[in-house]
N, C-alpha and C. Protein backbone atom coordinates (compact mmCIF):
# COMPACT_ATOMS: atom_id res chain seq x y z
N MET A 1 0.84 -1.19 0.00
CA MET A 1 0.00 0.00 0.00
C MET A 1 0.88 1.24 0.00
N VAL A 2 0.46 2.24 -0.74
CA VAL A 2 1.23 3.46 -0.89
C VAL A 2 0.81 4.46 0.17
N ASN A 3 1.78 5.09 0.80
CA ASN A 3 1.52 6.11 1.79
C ASN A 3 1.02 7.38 1.08
N VAL A 4 -0.09 7.96 1.54
CA VAL A 4 -0.70 9.11 0.88
C VAL A 4 0.26 10.29 0.78
N PRO A 5 0.99 10.68 1.84
CA PRO A 5 1.92 11.80 1.67
C PRO A 5 3.00 11.53 0.62
N ASP A 6 3.43 10.26 0.48
CA ASP A 6 4.43 9.93 -0.53
C ASP A 6 3.87 10.13 -1.94
N VAL A 7 2.59 9.80 -2.13
CA VAL A 7 1.96 9.98 -3.43
C VAL A 7 1.86 11.47 -3.76
N ARG A 8 1.45 12.27 -2.79
CA ARG A 8 1.36 13.73 -3.00
C ARG A 8 2.74 14.30 -3.32
N ARG A 9 3.73 13.86 -2.60
CA ARG A 9 5.09 14.34 -2.82
C ARG A 9 5.55 13.98 -4.24
N GLY A 10 5.21 12.77 -4.68
CA GLY A 10 5.56 12.36 -6.03
C GLY A 10 4.90 13.24 -7.09
N TRP A 11 3.62 13.57 -6.87
CA TRP A 11 2.92 14.41 -7.83
C TRP A 11 3.42 15.85 -7.78
N LEU A 12 3.87 16.29 -6.63
CA LEU A 12 4.49 17.62 -6.56
C LEU A 12 5.78 17.65 -7.39
N ALA A 13 6.51 16.55 -7.38
CA ALA A 13 7.72 16.45 -8.20
C ALA A 13 7.35 16.49 -9.69
N VAL A 14 6.29 15.78 -10.07
CA VAL A 14 5.84 15.79 -11.47
C VAL A 14 5.42 17.21 -11.85
N LEU A 15 4.70 17.89 -10.98
CA LEU A 15 4.27 19.27 -11.24
C LEU A 15 5.48 20.19 -11.39
N ALA A 16 6.47 20.04 -10.53
CA ALA A 16 7.68 20.87 -10.60
C ALA A 16 8.42 20.65 -11.92
N VAL A 17 8.53 19.41 -12.34
CA VAL A 17 9.20 19.12 -13.61
C VAL A 17 8.40 19.66 -14.78
N ALA A 18 7.09 19.52 -14.74
CA ALA A 18 6.24 20.05 -15.82
C ALA A 18 6.36 21.57 -15.91
N LEU A 19 6.38 22.24 -14.78
CA LEU A 19 6.55 23.69 -14.77
C LEU A 19 7.93 24.07 -15.30
N GLY A 20 8.94 23.34 -14.90
CA GLY A 20 10.28 23.59 -15.41
C GLY A 20 10.37 23.41 -16.91
N LEU A 21 9.72 22.37 -17.43
CA LEU A 21 9.70 22.14 -18.87
C LEU A 21 8.99 23.28 -19.60
N PHE A 22 7.87 23.72 -19.04
CA PHE A 22 7.13 24.83 -19.65
C PHE A 22 8.01 26.07 -19.74
N LEU A 23 8.69 26.40 -18.65
CA LEU A 23 9.54 27.58 -18.63
C LEU A 23 10.72 27.43 -19.58
N MET A 24 11.30 26.24 -19.62
CA MET A 24 12.44 26.00 -20.48
C MET A 24 12.05 26.14 -21.95
N VAL A 25 10.96 25.50 -22.35
CA VAL A 25 10.54 25.55 -23.75
C VAL A 25 10.12 26.97 -24.13
N THR A 26 9.41 27.65 -23.25
CA THR A 26 9.00 29.03 -23.53
C THR A 26 10.23 29.93 -23.70
N THR A 27 11.20 29.77 -22.82
CA THR A 27 12.42 30.57 -22.91
C THR A 27 13.16 30.33 -24.21
N GLU A 28 13.19 29.10 -24.65
CA GLU A 28 13.96 28.78 -25.85
C GLU A 28 13.21 29.10 -27.14
N LEU A 29 11.89 28.96 -27.16
CA LEU A 29 11.15 29.09 -28.41
C LEU A 29 10.44 30.43 -28.61
N LEU A 30 10.07 31.11 -27.56
CA LEU A 30 9.33 32.36 -27.70
C LEU A 30 10.09 33.43 -28.49
N PRO A 31 11.39 33.60 -28.26
CA PRO A 31 12.11 34.64 -29.02
C PRO A 31 12.08 34.44 -30.53
N VAL A 32 11.93 33.22 -30.99
CA VAL A 32 11.89 32.96 -32.43
C VAL A 32 10.74 33.73 -33.07
N GLY A 33 9.60 33.73 -32.44
CA GLY A 33 8.43 34.43 -32.97
C GLY A 33 8.43 35.92 -32.72
N LEU A 34 9.34 36.39 -31.90
CA LEU A 34 9.36 37.81 -31.55
C LEU A 34 10.57 38.56 -32.09
N LEU A 35 11.31 37.97 -33.01
CA LEU A 35 12.53 38.61 -33.50
C LEU A 35 12.27 39.99 -34.11
N THR A 36 11.24 40.10 -34.94
CA THR A 36 10.96 41.38 -35.60
C THR A 36 10.59 42.46 -34.58
N PRO A 37 9.63 42.21 -33.66
CA PRO A 37 9.33 43.25 -32.68
C PRO A 37 10.50 43.57 -31.74
N VAL A 38 11.28 42.57 -31.39
CA VAL A 38 12.43 42.81 -30.52
C VAL A 38 13.46 43.66 -31.26
N ALA A 39 13.70 43.35 -32.53
CA ALA A 39 14.66 44.13 -33.32
C ALA A 39 14.22 45.59 -33.40
N ALA A 40 12.94 45.81 -33.65
CA ALA A 40 12.43 47.18 -33.73
C ALA A 40 12.52 47.89 -32.38
N SER A 41 12.19 47.18 -31.33
CA SER A 41 12.19 47.77 -30.00
C SER A 41 13.60 48.14 -29.52
N LEU A 42 14.58 47.32 -29.88
CA LEU A 42 15.95 47.56 -29.42
C LEU A 42 16.81 48.25 -30.47
N ASP A 43 16.18 48.63 -31.58
CA ASP A 43 16.84 49.38 -32.64
C ASP A 43 18.06 48.65 -33.20
N VAL A 44 17.85 47.36 -33.54
CA VAL A 44 18.88 46.56 -34.21
C VAL A 44 18.22 45.89 -35.41
N SER A 45 19.04 45.37 -36.32
CA SER A 45 18.49 44.68 -37.48
C SER A 45 17.90 43.33 -37.06
N GLU A 46 17.05 42.76 -37.90
CA GLU A 46 16.47 41.45 -37.60
C GLU A 46 17.55 40.38 -37.58
N GLY A 47 18.56 40.53 -38.41
CA GLY A 47 19.67 39.58 -38.40
C GLY A 47 20.43 39.62 -37.09
N THR A 48 20.67 40.81 -36.57
CA THR A 48 21.34 40.93 -35.28
C THR A 48 20.46 40.36 -34.17
N ALA A 49 19.17 40.63 -34.23
CA ALA A 49 18.25 40.08 -33.23
C ALA A 49 18.25 38.55 -33.29
N GLY A 50 18.53 37.99 -34.48
CA GLY A 50 18.60 36.53 -34.62
C GLY A 50 19.68 35.89 -33.77
N LEU A 51 20.65 36.69 -33.35
CA LEU A 51 21.67 36.16 -32.44
C LEU A 51 21.07 35.68 -31.12
N MET A 52 19.88 36.21 -30.77
CA MET A 52 19.20 35.75 -29.55
C MET A 52 18.81 34.28 -29.66
N VAL A 53 18.72 33.77 -30.86
CA VAL A 53 18.32 32.38 -31.08
C VAL A 53 19.54 31.50 -31.34
N THR A 54 20.48 31.98 -32.14
CA THR A 54 21.61 31.13 -32.52
C THR A 54 22.71 31.06 -31.47
N ALA A 55 23.06 32.18 -30.86
CA ALA A 55 24.16 32.18 -29.88
C ALA A 55 23.88 31.27 -28.69
N PRO A 56 22.67 31.25 -28.13
CA PRO A 56 22.41 30.33 -27.01
C PRO A 56 22.60 28.86 -27.37
N GLY A 57 22.41 28.51 -28.64
CA GLY A 57 22.65 27.13 -29.07
C GLY A 57 24.09 26.72 -28.89
N PHE A 58 25.00 27.63 -29.16
CA PHE A 58 26.42 27.34 -28.96
C PHE A 58 26.74 27.17 -27.48
N VAL A 59 26.14 28.01 -26.64
CA VAL A 59 26.37 27.89 -25.20
C VAL A 59 25.84 26.55 -24.69
N ALA A 60 24.67 26.16 -25.15
CA ALA A 60 24.09 24.87 -24.73
C ALA A 60 24.98 23.72 -25.18
N ALA A 61 25.54 23.83 -26.38
CA ALA A 61 26.41 22.77 -26.90
C ALA A 61 27.68 22.62 -26.07
N VAL A 62 28.19 23.72 -25.57
CA VAL A 62 29.38 23.68 -24.70
C VAL A 62 29.00 23.23 -23.29
N ALA A 63 27.86 23.70 -22.81
CA ALA A 63 27.44 23.39 -21.44
C ALA A 63 27.06 21.93 -21.26
N ALA A 64 26.50 21.30 -22.28
CA ALA A 64 26.01 19.92 -22.15
C ALA A 64 27.09 18.95 -21.69
N PRO A 65 28.24 18.88 -22.34
CA PRO A 65 29.25 17.93 -21.84
C PRO A 65 29.85 18.34 -20.51
N LEU A 66 29.95 19.63 -20.26
CA LEU A 66 30.49 20.08 -18.97
C LEU A 66 29.56 19.68 -17.82
N ILE A 67 28.27 19.89 -18.03
CA ILE A 67 27.30 19.53 -16.99
C ILE A 67 27.22 18.02 -16.85
N ALA A 68 27.24 17.30 -17.98
CA ALA A 68 27.18 15.84 -17.91
C ALA A 68 28.38 15.28 -17.16
N GLY A 69 29.53 15.90 -17.34
CA GLY A 69 30.73 15.43 -16.66
C GLY A 69 30.74 15.67 -15.17
N THR A 70 30.03 16.68 -14.72
CA THR A 70 30.01 17.00 -13.29
C THR A 70 28.74 16.55 -12.59
N ALA A 71 27.70 16.20 -13.35
CA ALA A 71 26.40 15.87 -12.75
C ALA A 71 26.47 14.71 -11.78
N GLY A 72 27.31 13.75 -12.04
CA GLY A 72 27.39 12.58 -11.17
C GLY A 72 28.01 12.87 -9.81
N ARG A 73 28.73 13.99 -9.70
CA ARG A 73 29.40 14.33 -8.45
C ARG A 73 28.64 15.36 -7.62
N VAL A 74 27.50 15.82 -8.15
CA VAL A 74 26.73 16.87 -7.48
C VAL A 74 25.34 16.33 -7.15
N ASP A 75 24.82 16.71 -6.01
CA ASP A 75 23.45 16.34 -5.65
C ASP A 75 22.50 16.85 -6.73
N ARG A 76 21.64 15.98 -7.24
CA ARG A 76 20.79 16.36 -8.37
C ARG A 76 19.85 17.51 -8.03
N ARG A 77 19.40 17.58 -6.77
CA ARG A 77 18.53 18.70 -6.39
C ARG A 77 19.29 20.02 -6.44
N LEU A 78 20.53 20.00 -6.00
CA LEU A 78 21.37 21.19 -6.06
C LEU A 78 21.66 21.57 -7.50
N LEU A 79 21.93 20.59 -8.34
CA LEU A 79 22.18 20.84 -9.76
C LEU A 79 20.95 21.46 -10.42
N LEU A 80 19.78 20.87 -10.20
CA LEU A 80 18.56 21.41 -10.80
C LEU A 80 18.24 22.81 -10.27
N ALA A 81 18.49 23.03 -8.99
CA ALA A 81 18.26 24.38 -8.43
C ALA A 81 19.21 25.39 -9.07
N GLY A 82 20.45 25.01 -9.26
CA GLY A 82 21.40 25.90 -9.91
C GLY A 82 21.03 26.19 -11.36
N LEU A 83 20.59 25.15 -12.06
CA LEU A 83 20.16 25.35 -13.45
C LEU A 83 18.91 26.23 -13.51
N ALA A 84 17.99 26.03 -12.59
CA ALA A 84 16.79 26.87 -12.55
C ALA A 84 17.16 28.32 -12.23
N ALA A 85 18.14 28.51 -11.35
CA ALA A 85 18.60 29.86 -11.03
C ALA A 85 19.21 30.54 -12.26
N MET A 86 19.97 29.78 -13.05
CA MET A 86 20.53 30.33 -14.29
C MET A 86 19.41 30.77 -15.23
N LEU A 87 18.40 29.93 -15.36
CA LEU A 87 17.26 30.25 -16.22
C LEU A 87 16.56 31.52 -15.73
N GLY A 88 16.30 31.59 -14.44
CA GLY A 88 15.62 32.75 -13.86
C GLY A 88 16.44 34.03 -14.00
N LEU A 89 17.74 33.94 -13.71
CA LEU A 89 18.61 35.11 -13.81
C LEU A 89 18.69 35.60 -15.26
N GLY A 90 18.83 34.68 -16.19
CA GLY A 90 18.88 35.06 -17.60
C GLY A 90 17.60 35.71 -18.07
N ASN A 91 16.46 35.15 -17.67
CA ASN A 91 15.17 35.72 -18.07
C ASN A 91 14.95 37.08 -17.43
N LEU A 92 15.34 37.23 -16.17
CA LEU A 92 15.21 38.53 -15.50
C LEU A 92 16.09 39.57 -16.18
N THR A 93 17.29 39.17 -16.55
CA THR A 93 18.20 40.09 -17.25
C THR A 93 17.58 40.55 -18.57
N CYS A 94 16.99 39.61 -19.31
CA CYS A 94 16.33 39.98 -20.57
C CYS A 94 15.15 40.92 -20.33
N ALA A 95 14.43 40.70 -19.27
CA ALA A 95 13.23 41.50 -19.00
C ALA A 95 13.55 42.95 -18.70
N VAL A 96 14.69 43.22 -18.08
CA VAL A 96 15.03 44.59 -17.68
C VAL A 96 16.12 45.20 -18.56
N ALA A 97 16.49 44.51 -19.63
CA ALA A 97 17.61 44.95 -20.47
C ALA A 97 17.31 46.28 -21.16
N PRO A 98 18.24 47.24 -21.04
CA PRO A 98 18.04 48.52 -21.71
C PRO A 98 18.47 48.53 -23.18
N HIS A 99 19.32 47.56 -23.57
CA HIS A 99 19.78 47.49 -24.96
C HIS A 99 20.09 46.05 -25.33
N PHE A 100 20.35 45.85 -26.62
CA PHE A 100 20.47 44.50 -27.15
C PHE A 100 21.62 43.71 -26.53
N GLY A 101 22.72 44.34 -26.24
CA GLY A 101 23.86 43.64 -25.64
C GLY A 101 23.48 42.95 -24.33
N VAL A 102 22.70 43.62 -23.53
CA VAL A 102 22.26 43.03 -22.25
C VAL A 102 21.27 41.90 -22.49
N VAL A 103 20.40 42.06 -23.49
CA VAL A 103 19.47 40.98 -23.84
C VAL A 103 20.25 39.74 -24.25
N LEU A 104 21.27 39.94 -25.06
CA LEU A 104 22.07 38.80 -25.53
C LEU A 104 22.78 38.11 -24.37
N VAL A 105 23.32 38.88 -23.45
CA VAL A 105 23.97 38.29 -22.26
C VAL A 105 22.93 37.50 -21.45
N GLY A 106 21.75 38.05 -21.28
CA GLY A 106 20.69 37.35 -20.56
C GLY A 106 20.30 36.05 -21.24
N ARG A 107 20.21 36.06 -22.55
CA ARG A 107 19.88 34.83 -23.30
C ARG A 107 20.99 33.80 -23.16
N LEU A 108 22.24 34.25 -23.17
CA LEU A 108 23.36 33.32 -23.02
C LEU A 108 23.36 32.68 -21.63
N VAL A 109 23.09 33.48 -20.61
CA VAL A 109 23.01 32.94 -19.25
C VAL A 109 21.86 31.95 -19.14
N ALA A 110 20.69 32.32 -19.67
CA ALA A 110 19.52 31.45 -19.59
C ALA A 110 19.74 30.14 -20.35
N SER A 111 20.52 30.19 -21.43
CA SER A 111 20.70 28.98 -22.23
C SER A 111 21.67 28.00 -21.61
N GLY A 112 22.44 28.43 -20.63
CA GLY A 112 23.38 27.52 -19.98
C GLY A 112 22.67 26.35 -19.31
N HIS A 113 21.43 26.55 -18.92
CA HIS A 113 20.68 25.48 -18.27
C HIS A 113 20.29 24.36 -19.24
N LEU A 114 20.18 24.70 -20.51
CA LEU A 114 19.62 23.76 -21.47
C LEU A 114 20.46 22.49 -21.62
N GLY A 115 21.76 22.63 -21.55
CA GLY A 115 22.62 21.47 -21.72
C GLY A 115 22.42 20.38 -20.69
N GLY A 116 22.08 20.74 -19.48
CA GLY A 116 21.94 19.74 -18.43
C GLY A 116 20.53 19.50 -17.97
N ARG A 117 19.68 20.44 -18.13
CA ARG A 117 18.34 20.34 -17.55
C ARG A 117 17.50 19.24 -18.20
N THR A 118 17.55 19.14 -19.50
CA THR A 118 16.68 18.19 -20.19
C THR A 118 16.95 16.76 -19.73
N ARG A 119 18.18 16.34 -19.75
CA ARG A 119 18.51 14.97 -19.37
C ARG A 119 18.33 14.74 -17.88
N ARG A 120 18.61 15.73 -17.07
CA ARG A 120 18.45 15.58 -15.62
C ARG A 120 16.97 15.44 -15.26
N MET A 121 16.09 16.13 -15.97
CA MET A 121 14.66 16.01 -15.67
C MET A 121 14.16 14.60 -15.94
N ARG A 122 14.66 14.01 -17.01
CA ARG A 122 14.22 12.65 -17.33
C ARG A 122 14.61 11.71 -16.19
N GLY A 123 15.78 11.82 -15.67
CA GLY A 123 16.24 10.97 -14.58
C GLY A 123 15.59 11.29 -13.25
N LEU A 124 15.12 12.53 -13.10
CA LEU A 124 14.52 12.94 -11.84
C LEU A 124 13.26 12.16 -11.52
N LEU A 125 12.44 11.91 -12.52
CA LEU A 125 11.17 11.23 -12.29
C LEU A 125 11.27 9.72 -12.47
N ALA A 126 12.27 9.25 -13.18
CA ALA A 126 12.40 7.82 -13.44
C ALA A 126 13.06 7.15 -12.24
N HIS A 127 12.26 6.78 -11.28
CA HIS A 127 12.78 6.14 -10.07
C HIS A 127 12.12 4.79 -9.88
N PRO A 128 12.78 3.91 -9.18
CA PRO A 128 12.16 2.60 -8.94
C PRO A 128 10.89 2.75 -8.11
N GLY A 129 9.94 1.97 -8.40
CA GLY A 129 8.69 1.97 -7.66
C GLY A 129 7.70 1.08 -8.37
N SER A 130 6.51 1.02 -7.82
CA SER A 130 5.50 0.17 -8.45
C SER A 130 5.03 0.80 -9.76
N GLN A 131 4.47 -0.04 -10.61
CA GLN A 131 3.99 0.45 -11.89
C GLN A 131 2.87 1.47 -11.69
N ALA A 132 2.05 1.28 -10.68
CA ALA A 132 0.96 2.22 -10.40
C ALA A 132 1.51 3.58 -9.99
N GLU A 133 2.60 3.58 -9.21
CA GLU A 133 3.18 4.85 -8.77
C GLU A 133 3.79 5.62 -9.94
N ASN A 134 4.37 4.93 -10.90
CA ASN A 134 5.06 5.58 -12.00
C ASN A 134 4.18 5.82 -13.22
N ALA A 135 2.98 5.28 -13.25
CA ALA A 135 2.13 5.38 -14.43
C ALA A 135 1.80 6.82 -14.79
N GLY A 136 1.56 7.65 -13.82
CA GLY A 136 1.21 9.04 -14.10
C GLY A 136 2.38 9.88 -14.53
N SER A 137 3.57 9.56 -14.05
CA SER A 137 4.73 10.38 -14.41
C SER A 137 5.33 9.97 -15.74
N THR A 138 4.98 8.80 -16.25
CA THR A 138 5.54 8.33 -17.51
C THR A 138 5.31 9.29 -18.67
N PRO A 139 4.10 9.85 -18.88
CA PRO A 139 3.93 10.81 -19.98
C PRO A 139 4.82 12.04 -19.84
N VAL A 140 5.04 12.49 -18.61
CA VAL A 140 5.91 13.65 -18.40
C VAL A 140 7.34 13.29 -18.76
N ILE A 141 7.79 12.11 -18.34
CA ILE A 141 9.15 11.68 -18.63
C ILE A 141 9.35 11.57 -20.14
N ARG A 142 8.40 10.96 -20.82
CA ARG A 142 8.54 10.76 -22.26
C ARG A 142 8.40 12.05 -23.05
N SER A 143 7.83 13.09 -22.46
CA SER A 143 7.69 14.36 -23.16
C SER A 143 9.00 15.15 -23.19
N VAL A 144 9.96 14.77 -22.38
CA VAL A 144 11.24 15.45 -22.36
C VAL A 144 12.03 15.07 -23.59
N PRO A 145 12.47 16.05 -24.39
CA PRO A 145 13.20 15.72 -25.62
C PRO A 145 14.52 15.05 -25.34
């Protein structure tokens, strides 16, 4: 028999991961649709504004092996909290940025989480337990790219 507080705690973990995925995907994909208004607002060309999409990809590509190499030596909760803090700090920087250079720095900071967050989320919910306990979290786990 499953302890009721344990079940609630498990669903809170699923909710936290789902919220994290929503924020991550929104952060990565929303700027693609807003390049023209952002370029006009910050008085840069659309091509320059496109750096908000391409430059973070390079940061994620560098961050992924670095995070993968250190993830095994760090408590996963601490790692996820640090990655979430990077995402939050980067998004906050973008929100208050007075010019494009600051927006780009904010996007680069926010993209550092991408290299490690996706794979760590998959492992966060995939834990041993009964099939009934894991049945609800399986769609969330499989939705992680």
